[in-house]
Amino acid sequence: MSSRIIIVTGGTVGDWVSGYIQPGDLLVGADRGALFLVRSGYRPALALGDFDSVTVEELDEIRQGSDVLIDCDPVLKDWTDTEMAFNWALDRKPGGIVLLGALGSRFDHSLANVHLLRKALQHGIPSLIADRHNELRLLGPGQATALHKGKFANVSLLPLSAEVTGITLQGFLYPLTEATLSIGQSLGISNVIVEESGHVSIRDGMLLVIQSKDE
């Protein structure tokens, strides 16, 4: 499979979600994210989870509005609903994965979802976590990305490995050349794209690249 898979999960969602869905995308709803998709006029190819956050009537609504529904026991399952959906997506080797609704009031779930980007990196599948205020990507050894200024002009860089080396930034207010960041440092917080796009590349390690806006 080469098309993208869009996963909508049960965190904070809104009308901004539709801006990430393109024709040809395969839609997956995890738990309450499936209800959001159905009520927004989309038909998920798959709805899965323990559905402990929906009522019996809402679950029936999801069942009627989805191609396939997988209902899991909330006690016996080992993964969160989001990770189950993410693993399902990885197995299909898509051209990319976009995870929406993965950030919200539960910091433990939000952080666990960010760590899913590492799993996608290990599978060689480009992945993105997005919400109304943020877009998150993870770069691995020898990788680079171009970031368009758009609505997310602020960029922060946080290591997800003990150290990230060879960090080079072009098109930023604070450029870097072959820099090193260690985990726990805040040096990479709140840079700004000053050209039409900014370019980020690294030599080794894993670097979380976060574009954000305040409003």
Foldseek 3Di string as FASTA:
>chain_A
DAAEEEEEEAADADPCVVVPDDPPYAYEYFQCRLLVQQVVPHEHQEYEFQNPVDDPVSVVSSVVRYNYYYHDNPPPDDDHSVVVVLVVRLVVVYQAYEYENQDHDPVVSNVVVLCVLVVCVVSVHWYWYDHPWKIKGKDAAFDKDKFFCPPFFWKFKAFPDQKWFQKAKDQKPDTDGGDMDGHPDRVRGTIGRNDRIMMITTHHGMMMMMGGDDD
